[in-house]
Amino acid sequence: MEDLYSSKNLLQMMDGNFSEVRELALMLFDLGPQMIDEIESAIENEQWNKAGDVSHKLKSTLKLWSMKSIVPFALYIEENGAKSQNIEDIKENFKNLKIGFQKILDKMKSEFS
């Protein structure tokens, strides 16, 4: 089974400084849910471009943490939100993104909190 996330890339970027990686994790615990809420609000208000823009920003963070299981959901919202297409699929991808992200954060909190 593939890991839900990995801090290896960040640890390497931070020259092995775990406390800096921990600080990034703590920021993610704060900002990540805000971004999920922002995407959810954009979808509810049918602001597809905004949903795509915020998903793009979130996707970059997900990639840094190697959250490979949920990156495709963010990518789908990003690409289809920008084109205002496949609306029902955007909503479904968002549900999967939100559930998966929360699951990963819960696991990360046990390591970094």
Foldseek 3Di string as FASTA:
>chain_A
DDDQWAQVLVCVVVVNPVVVSLVVLVVCVVVVVVLLVQLVVCLVVVQQQSNLVSLVVVLVVCVNRVNVVLSVLSNVSNVCSNVSPPSVSNVVSSVVNVVSVVVVSVVVVVVRD
